[in-house]
């Protein structure tokens, strides 16, 4: 059974990321920050984000960490 995540928590986290990377008095890119993606790649969490694809592949270590974070932060029973 796939994990069920709280959509309100996900929306709040997305809004927080937009706010963290806003520029020009409230503008924000729809994608993820290049420096953050490069850092995740350098840490071995994702494939190289500098290509023509619109997606990256999570490494086994990255996938395990991503799922653990998603469960902790967005799980239906998480108190975040």
PDB file of N, CA and C in Angstrom:
ATOM      1  N   UNK A   1       0.851  -1.184   0.000  1.00  0.00           N
ATOM      2  CA  UNK A   1       0.000   0.000   0.000  1.00  0.00           C
ATOM      3  C   UNK A   1       0.892   1.241   0.000  1.00  0.00           C
ATOM      4  N   UNK A   2       0.699   2.142  -0.943  1.00  0.00           N
ATOM      5  CA  UNK A   2       1.523   3.355  -0.981  1.00  0.00           C
ATOM      6  C   UNK A   2       1.243   4.264   0.212  1.00  0.00           C
ATOM      7  N   UNK A   3       2.261   5.020   0.578  1.00  0.00           N
ATOM      8  CA  UNK A   3       2.104   5.965   1.684  1.00  0.00           C
ATOM      9  C   UNK A   3       1.078   7.028   1.318  1.00  0.00           C
ATOM     10  N   UNK A   4       0.347   7.470   2.322  1.00  0.00           N
ATOM     11  CA  UNK A   4      -0.628   8.542   2.140  1.00  0.00           C
ATOM     12  C   UNK A   4      -0.057   9.775   2.827  1.00  0.00           C
ATOM     13  N   UNK A   5       0.114  10.823   2.046  1.00  0.00           N
ATOM     14  CA  UNK A   5       0.670  12.057   2.587  1.00  0.00           C
ATOM     15  C   UNK A   5      -0.405  13.115   2.702  1.00  0.00           C
ATOM     16  N   UNK A   6      -0.242  13.966   3.689  1.00  0.00           N
ATOM     17  CA  UNK A   6      -1.186  15.044   3.966  1.00  0.00           C
ATOM     18  C   UNK A   6      -1.004  16.146   2.924  1.00  0.00           C
ATOM     19  N   UNK A   7      -2.000  16.355   2.048  1.00  0.00           N
ATOM     20  CA  UNK A   7      -1.840  17.360   0.993  1.00  0.00           C
ATOM     21  C   UNK A   7      -1.650  18.775   1.524  1.00  0.00           C
ATOM     22  N   UNK A   8      -2.191  19.089   2.681  1.00  0.00           N
ATOM     23  CA  UNK A   8      -2.012  20.429   3.252  1.00  0.00           C
ATOM     24  C   UNK A   8      -0.559  20.644   3.664  1.00  0.00           C
ATOM     25  N   UNK A   9       0.063  19.618   4.242  1.00  0.00           N
ATOM     26  CA  UNK A   9       1.470  19.722   4.623  1.00  0.00           C
ATOM     27  C   UNK A   9       2.355  19.859   3.385  1.00  0.00           C
ATOM     28  N   UNK A  10       2.037  19.130   2.336  1.00  0.00           N
ATOM     29  CA  UNK A  10       2.806  19.211   1.093  1.00  0.00           C
ATOM     30  C   UNK A  10       2.667  20.606   0.486  1.00  0.00           C
ATOM     31  N   UNK A  11       1.459  21.138   0.472  1.00  0.00           N
ATOM     32  CA  UNK A  11       1.236  22.488  -0.062  1.00  0.00           C
ATOM     33  C   UNK A  11       1.999  23.524   0.762  1.00  0.00           C
ATOM     34  N   UNK A  12       1.983  23.379   2.089  1.00  0.00           N
ATOM     35  CA  UNK A  12       2.720  24.305   2.943  1.00  0.00           C
ATOM     36  C   UNK A  12       4.223  24.216   2.697  1.00  0.00           C
ATOM     37  N   UNK A  13       4.744  23.000   2.532  1.00  0.00           N
ATOM     38  CA  UNK A  13       6.176  22.829   2.268  1.00  0.00           C
ATOM     39  C   UNK A  13       6.548  23.429   0.919  1.00  0.00           C
ATOM     40  N   UNK A  14       5.707  23.242  -0.078  1.00  0.00           N
ATOM     41  CA  UNK A  14       5.953  23.822  -1.393  1.00  0.00           C
ATOM     42  C   UNK A  14       5.955  25.337  -1.309  1.00  0.00           C
ATOM     43  N   UNK A  15       4.996  25.888  -0.604  1.00  0.00           N
ATOM     44  CA  UNK A  15       4.931  27.336  -0.418  1.00  0.00           C
ATOM     45  C   UNK A  15       6.171  27.839   0.322  1.00  0.00           C
ATOM     46  N   UNK A  16       6.623  27.079   1.323  1.00  0.00           N
ATOM     47  CA  UNK A  16       7.835  27.465   2.058  1.00  0.00           C
ATOM     48  C   UNK A  16       9.046  27.479   1.139  1.00  0.00           C
ATOM     49  N   UNK A  17       9.168  26.494   0.251  1.00  0.00           N
ATOM     50  CA  UNK A  17      10.282  26.468  -0.703  1.00  0.00           C
ATOM     51  C   UNK A  17      10.203  27.646  -1.666  1.00  0.00           C
ATOM     52  N   UNK A  18       9.002  27.961  -2.128  1.00  0.00           N
ATOM     53  CA  UNK A  18       8.842  29.123  -3.003  1.00  0.00           C
ATOM     54  C   UNK A  18       9.268  30.398  -2.279  1.00  0.00           C
ATOM     55  N   UNK A  19       8.893  30.512  -1.023  1.00  0.00           N
ATOM     56  CA  UNK A  19       9.274  31.681  -0.235  1.00  0.00           C
ATOM     57  C   UNK A  19      10.764  31.738   0.032  1.00  0.00           C
ATOM     58  N   UNK A  20      11.381  30.580   0.250  1.00  0.00           N
ATOM     59  CA  UNK A  20      12.816  30.542   0.532  1.00  0.00           C
ATOM     60  C   UNK A  20      13.638  31.003  -0.667  1.00  0.00           C
ATOM     61  N   UNK A  21      13.122  30.764  -1.866  1.00  0.00           N
ATOM     62  CA  UNK A  21      13.878  31.079  -3.077  1.00  0.00           C
ATOM     63  C   UNK A  21      13.253  32.207  -3.895  1.00  0.00           C
ATOM     64  N   UNK A  22      12.376  32.982  -3.272  1.00  0.00           N
ATOM     65  CA  UNK A  22      11.753  34.090  -4.011  1.00  0.00           C
ATOM     66  C   UNK A  22      12.783  35.165  -4.305  1.00  0.00           C
ATOM     67  N   UNK A  23      12.519  35.934  -5.330  1.00  0.00           N
ATOM     68  CA  UNK A  23      13.389  37.037  -5.713  1.00  0.00           C
ATOM     69  C   UNK A  23      12.518  38.130  -6.299  1.00  0.00           C
ATOM     70  N   UNK A  24      13.067  39.283  -6.483  1.00  0.00           N
ATOM     71  CA  UNK A  24      12.361  40.379  -7.137  1.00  0.00           C
ATOM     72  C   UNK A  24      11.009  40.655  -6.482  1.00  0.00           C
ATOM     73  N   UNK A  25      11.013  40.661  -5.137  1.00  0.00           N
ATOM     74  CA  UNK A  25       9.812  41.003  -4.373  1.00  0.00           C
ATOM     75  C   UNK A  25       8.616  40.095  -4.646  1.00  0.00           C
ATOM     76  N   UNK A  26       8.845  38.788  -4.592  1.00  0.00           N
ATOM     77  CA  UNK A  26       7.732  37.849  -4.654  1.00  0.00           C
ATOM     78  C   UNK A  26       7.690  36.932  -5.860  1.00  0.00           C
ATOM     79  N   UNK A  27       8.636  37.045  -6.787  1.00  0.00           N
ATOM     80  CA  UNK A  27       8.677  36.102  -7.912  1.00  0.00           C
ATOM     81  C   UNK A  27       9.412  34.845  -7.461  1.00  0.00           C
ATOM     82  N   UNK A  28       9.040  33.694  -8.019  1.00  0.00           N
ATOM     83  CA  UNK A  28       9.719  32.444  -7.682  1.00  0.00           C
ATOM     84  C   UNK A  28       9.682  31.506  -8.882  1.00  0.00           C
ATOM     85  N   UNK A  29      10.779  30.778  -9.087  1.00  0.00           N
ATOM     86  CA  UNK A  29      10.826  29.809 -10.173  1.00  0.00           C
ATOM     87  C   UNK A  29       9.947  28.613  -9.841  1.00  0.00           C
ATOM     88  N   UNK A  30       9.364  28.012 -10.851  1.00  0.00           N
ATOM     89  CA  UNK A  30       8.503  26.844 -10.654  1.00  0.00           C
ATOM     90  C   UNK A  30       9.320  25.589 -10.358  1.00  0.00           C
ATOM     91  N   UNK A  31      10.538  25.516 -10.857  1.00  0.00           N
ATOM     92  CA  UNK A  31      11.403  24.355 -10.622  1.00  0.00           C
ATOM     93  C   UNK A  31      12.181  24.530  -9.331  1.00  0.00           C
ATOM     94  N   UNK A  32      13.049  23.604  -9.065  1.00  0.00           N
ATOM     95  CA  UNK A  32      13.862  23.682  -7.856  1.00  0.00           C
ATOM     96  C   UNK A  32      15.128  24.484  -8.119  1.00  0.00           C
ATOM     97  N   UNK A  33      15.639  25.091  -7.092  1.00  0.00           N
ATOM     98  CA  UNK A  33      16.832  25.914  -7.161  1.00  0.00           C
ATOM     99  C   UNK A  33      18.010  25.096  -7.691  1.00  0.00           C
ATOM    100  N   UNK A  34      18.764  25.671  -8.639  1.00  0.00           N
ATOM    101  CA  UNK A  34      19.886  24.972  -9.263  1.00  0.00           C
ATOM    102  C   UNK A  34      20.951  24.582  -8.239  1.00  0.00           C
ATOM    103  N   UNK A  35      21.267  25.473  -7.319  1.00  0.00           N
ATOM    104  CA  UNK A  35      22.288  25.171  -6.320  1.00  0.00           C
ATOM    105  C   UNK A  35      21.873  24.002  -5.431  1.00  0.00           C
ATOM    106  N   UNK A  36      20.594  23.942  -5.075  1.00  0.00           N
ATOM    107  CA  UNK A  36      20.097  22.843  -4.250  1.00  0.00           C
ATOM    108  C   UNK A  36      20.189  21.529  -5.022  1.00  0.00           C
ATOM    109  N   UNK A  37      19.777  21.547  -6.285  1.00  0.00           N
ATOM    110  CA  UNK A  37      19.831  20.328  -7.098  1.00  0.00           C
ATOM    111  C   UNK A  37      21.277  19.876  -7.294  1.00  0.00           C
ATOM    112  N   UNK A  38      22.190  20.824  -7.526  1.00  0.00           N
ATOM    113  CA  UNK A  38      23.602  20.475  -7.670  1.00  0.00           C
ATOM    114  C   UNK A  38      24.161  19.895  -6.381  1.00  0.00           C
ATOM    115  N   UNK A  39      23.736  20.444  -5.242  1.00  0.00           N
ATOM    116  CA  UNK A  39      24.189  19.920  -3.952  1.00  0.00           C
ATOM    117  C   UNK A  39      23.697  18.494  -3.747  1.00  0.00           C
ATOM    118  N   UNK A  40      22.425  18.233  -4.054  1.00  0.00           N
ATOM    119  CA  UNK A  40      21.895  16.874  -3.911  1.00  0.00           C
ATOM    120  C   UNK A  40      22.637  15.895  -4.810  1.00  0.00           C
ATOM    121  N   UNK A  41      23.017  16.352  -6.005  1.00  0.00           N
ATOM    122  CA  UNK A  41      23.798  15.505  -6.902  1.00  0.00           C
ATOM    123  C   UNK A  41      25.191  15.246  -6.306  1.00  0.00           C
ATOM    124  N   UNK A  42      25.828  16.286  -5.800  1.00  0.00           N
ATOM    125  CA  UNK A  42      27.160  16.140  -5.202  1.00  0.00           C
ATOM    126  C   UNK A  42      27.129  15.201  -3.999  1.00  0.00           C
ATOM    127  N   UNK A  43      26.020  15.174  -3.282  1.00  0.00           N
ATOM    128  CA  UNK A  43      25.866  14.295  -2.117  1.00  0.00           C
ATOM    129  C   UNK A  43      25.479  12.879  -2.525  1.00  0.00           C
ATOM    130  N   UNK A  44      25.273  12.649  -3.831  1.00  0.00           N
ATOM    131  CA  UNK A  44      24.930  11.307  -4.300  1.00  0.00           C
ATOM    132  C   UNK A  44      23.470  10.944  -4.122  1.00  0.00           C
ATOM    133  N   UNK A  45      22.603  11.932  -3.973  1.00  0.00           N
ATOM    134  CA  UNK A  45      21.182  11.669  -3.756  1.00  0.00           C
ATOM    135  C   UNK A  45      20.386  11.575  -5.060  1.00  0.00           C
ATOM    136  N   UNK A  46      20.855  12.279  -6.104  1.00  0.00           N
ATOM    137  CA  UNK A  46      20.139  12.300  -7.387  1.00  0.00           C
ATOM    138  C   UNK A  46      21.137  12.224  -8.544  1.00  0.00           C
ATOM    139  N   UNK A  47      20.600  11.890  -9.722  1.00  0.00           N
ATOM    140  CA  UNK A  47      21.416  11.917 -10.933  1.00  0.00           C
ATOM    141  C   UNK A  47      21.738  13.364 -11.281  1.00  0.00           C
ATOM    142  N   UNK A  48      22.653  13.536 -12.225  1.00  0.00           N
ATOM    143  CA  UNK A  48      23.089  14.873 -12.614  1.00  0.00           C
ATOM    144  C   UNK A  48      21.906  15.679 -13.155  1.00  0.00           C
ATOM    145  N   UNK A  49      21.562  16.798 -12.518  1.00  0.00           N
ATOM    146  CA  UNK A  49      20.411  17.583 -12.960  1.00  0.00           C
ATOM    147  C   UNK A  49      20.701  18.436 -14.193  1.00  0.00           C
ATOM    148  N   UNK A  50      21.957  18.525 -14.599  1.00  0.00           N
ATOM    149  CA  UNK A  50      22.329  19.371 -15.737  1.00  0.00           C
ATOM    150  C   UNK A  50      22.238  18.573 -17.035  1.00  0.00           C
ATOM    151  N   UNK A  51      21.031  18.385 -17.502  1.00  0.00           N
ATOM    152  CA  UNK A  51      20.796  17.719 -18.775  1.00  0.00           C
ATOM    153  C   UNK A  51      19.480  18.232 -19.345  1.00  0.00           C
ATOM    154  N   UNK A  52      19.051  17.672 -20.437  1.00  0.00           N
ATOM    155  CA  UNK A  52      17.833  18.151 -21.098  1.00  0.00           C
ATOM    156  C   UNK A  52      16.559  17.548 -20.512  1.00  0.00           C
ATOM    157  N   UNK A  53      16.703  16.543 -19.669  1.00  0.00           N
ATOM    158  CA  UNK A  53      15.524  15.906 -19.083  1.00  0.00           C
ATOM    159  C   UNK A  53      14.832  16.858 -18.111  1.00  0.00           C
ATOM    160  N   UNK A  54      13.556  16.670 -17.962  1.00  0.00           N
ATOM    161  CA  UNK A  54      12.815  17.484 -16.996  1.00  0.00           C
ATOM    162  C   UNK A  54      12.703  16.796 -15.644  1.00  0.00           C
ATOM    163  N   UNK A  55      13.382  15.661 -15.513  1.00  0.00           N
ATOM    164  CA  UNK A  55      13.350  14.940 -14.247  1.00  0.00           C
ATOM    165  C   UNK A  55      14.747  14.447 -13.909  1.00  0.00           C
ATOM    166  N   UNK A  56      14.940  14.061 -12.662  1.00  0.00           N
ATOM    167  CA  UNK A  56      16.170  13.439 -12.199  1.00  0.00           C
ATOM    168  C   UNK A  56      15.811  12.081 -11.622  1.00  0.00           C
ATOM    169  N   UNK A  57      16.801  11.248 -11.473  1.00  0.00           N
ATOM    170  CA  UNK A  57      16.586   9.927 -10.881  1.00  0.00           C
ATOM    171  C   UNK A  57      17.200   9.920  -9.500  1.00  0.00           C
ATOM    172  N   UNK A  58      16.450   9.470  -8.509  1.00  0.00           N
ATOM    173  CA  UNK A  58      16.984   9.360  -7.163  1.00  0.00           C
ATOM    174  C   UNK A  58      17.835   8.106  -7.076  1.00  0.00           C
ATOM    175  N   UNK A  59      19.006   8.224  -6.473  1.00  0.00           N
ATOM    176  CA  UNK A  59      19.854   7.067  -6.235  1.00  0.00           C
ATOM    177  C   UNK A  59      19.182   6.215  -5.155  1.00  0.00           C
ATOM    178  N   UNK A  60      19.618   4.979  -4.962  1.00  0.00           N
ATOM    179  CA  UNK A  60      19.018   4.185  -3.868  1.00  0.00           C
ATOM    180  C   UNK A  60      19.099   4.897  -2.514  1.00  0.00           C
ATOM    181  N   UNK A  61      20.250   5.523  -2.233  1.00  0.00           N
ATOM    182  CA  UNK A  61      20.394   6.267  -0.975  1.00  0.00           C
ATOM    183  C   UNK A  61      19.470   7.476  -0.949  1.00  0.00           C
ATOM    184  N   UNK A  62      19.376   8.165  -2.085  1.00  0.00           N
ATOM    185  CA  UNK A  62      18.504   9.330  -2.172  1.00  0.00           C
ATOM    186  C   UNK A  62      17.042   8.966  -2.021  1.00  0.00           C
ATOM    187  N   UNK A  63      16.644   7.858  -2.637  1.00  0.00           N
ATOM    188  CA  UNK A  63      15.251   7.418  -2.539  1.00  0.00           C
ATOM    189  C   UNK A  63      14.910   7.053  -1.102  1.00  0.00           C
ATOM    190  N   UNK A  64      15.797   6.335  -0.437  1.00  0.00           N
ATOM    191  CA  UNK A  64      15.545   5.954   0.958  1.00  0.00           C
ATOM    192  C   UNK A  64      15.420   7.197   1.842  1.00  0.00           C
ATOM    193  N   UNK A  65      16.325   8.162   1.665  1.00  0.00           N
ATOM    194  CA  UNK A  65      16.264   9.397   2.466  1.00  0.00           C
ATOM    195  C   UNK A  65      15.020  10.205   2.130  1.00  0.00           C
ATOM    196  N   UNK A  66      14.691  10.298   0.830  1.00  0.00           N
ATOM    197  CA  UNK A  66      13.507  11.051   0.406  1.00  0.00           C
ATOM    198  C   UNK A  66      12.239  10.463   1.007  1.00  0.00           C
ATOM    199  N   UNK A  67      12.121   9.143   0.984  1.00  0.00           N
ATOM    200  CA  UNK A  67      10.917   8.496   1.538  1.00  0.00           C
ATOM    201  C   UNK A  67      10.845   8.691   3.048  1.00  0.00           C
ATOM    202  N   UNK A  68      11.987   8.589   3.722  1.00  0.00           N
ATOM    203  CA  UNK A  68      11.990   8.788   5.174  1.00  0.00           C
ATOM    204  C   UNK A  68      11.575  10.219   5.526  1.00  0.00           C
ATOM    205  N   UNK A  69      12.093  11.189   4.764  1.00  0.00           N
ATOM    206  CA  UNK A  69      11.715  12.583   5.014  1.00  0.00           C
ATOM    207  C   UNK A  69      10.245  12.822   4.702  1.00  0.00           C
ATOM    208  N   UNK A  70       9.770  12.271   3.590  1.00  0.00           N
ATOM    209  CA  UNK A  70       8.358  12.444   3.230  1.00  0.00           C
ATOM    210  C   UNK A  70       7.454  11.844   4.291  1.00  0.00           C
ATOM    211  N   UNK A  71       7.812  10.669   4.783  1.00  0.00           N
ATOM    212  CA  UNK A  71       7.002  10.038   5.831  1.00  0.00           C
ATOM    213  C   UNK A  71       7.006  10.877   7.103  1.00  0.00           C
ATOM    214  N   UNK A  72       8.190  11.396   7.476  1.00  0.00           N
ATOM    215  CA  UNK A  72       8.308  12.176   8.704  1.00  0.00           C
ATOM    216  C   UNK A  72       7.590  13.513   8.600  1.00  0.00           C
ATOM    217  N   UNK A  73       7.708  14.178   7.457  1.00  0.00           N
ATOM    218  CA  UNK A  73       7.152  15.517   7.315  1.00  0.00           C
ATOM    219  C   UNK A  73       5.722  15.547   6.821  1.00  0.00           C
ATOM    220  N   UNK A  74       5.370  14.626   5.953  1.00  0.00           N
ATOM    221  CA  UNK A  74       4.068  14.707   5.287  1.00  0.00           C
ATOM    222  C   UNK A  74       3.138  13.552   5.587  1.00  0.00           C
ATOM    223  N   UNK A  75       3.570  12.587   6.348  1.00  0.00           N
ATOM    224  CA  UNK A  75       2.726  11.443   6.672  1.00  0.00           C
ATOM    225  C   UNK A  75       1.449  11.896   7.372  1.00  0.00           C
ATOM    226  N   UNK A  76       0.401  11.167   7.151  1.00  0.00           N
ATOM    227  CA  UNK A  76      -0.901  11.532   7.720  1.00  0.00           C
ATOM    228  C   UNK A  76      -0.839  11.627   9.241  1.00  0.00           C
ATOM    229  N   UNK A  77       0.076  10.862   9.862  1.00  0.00           N
ATOM    230  CA  UNK A  77       0.141  10.884  11.324  1.00  0.00           C
ATOM    231  C   UNK A  77       1.287  11.743  11.855  1.00  0.00           C
ATOM    232  N   UNK A  78       2.055  12.373  10.957  1.00  0.00           N
ATOM    233  CA  UNK A  78       3.181  13.212  11.395  1.00  0.00           C
ATOM    234  C   UNK A  78       2.663  14.483  12.046  1.00  0.00           C
ATOM    235  N   UNK A  79       3.273  14.843  13.152  1.00  0.00           N
ATOM    236  CA  UNK A  79       2.848  16.054  13.888  1.00  0.00           C
ATOM    237  C   UNK A  79       3.776  17.201  13.545  1.00  0.00           C
ATOM    238  N   UNK A  80       3.741  17.654  12.324  1.00  0.00           N
ATOM    239  CA  UNK A  80       4.643  18.723  11.853  1.00  0.00           C
ATOM    240  C   UNK A  80       3.895  19.971  11.548  1.00  0.00           C
TER     241      UNK A  80
END
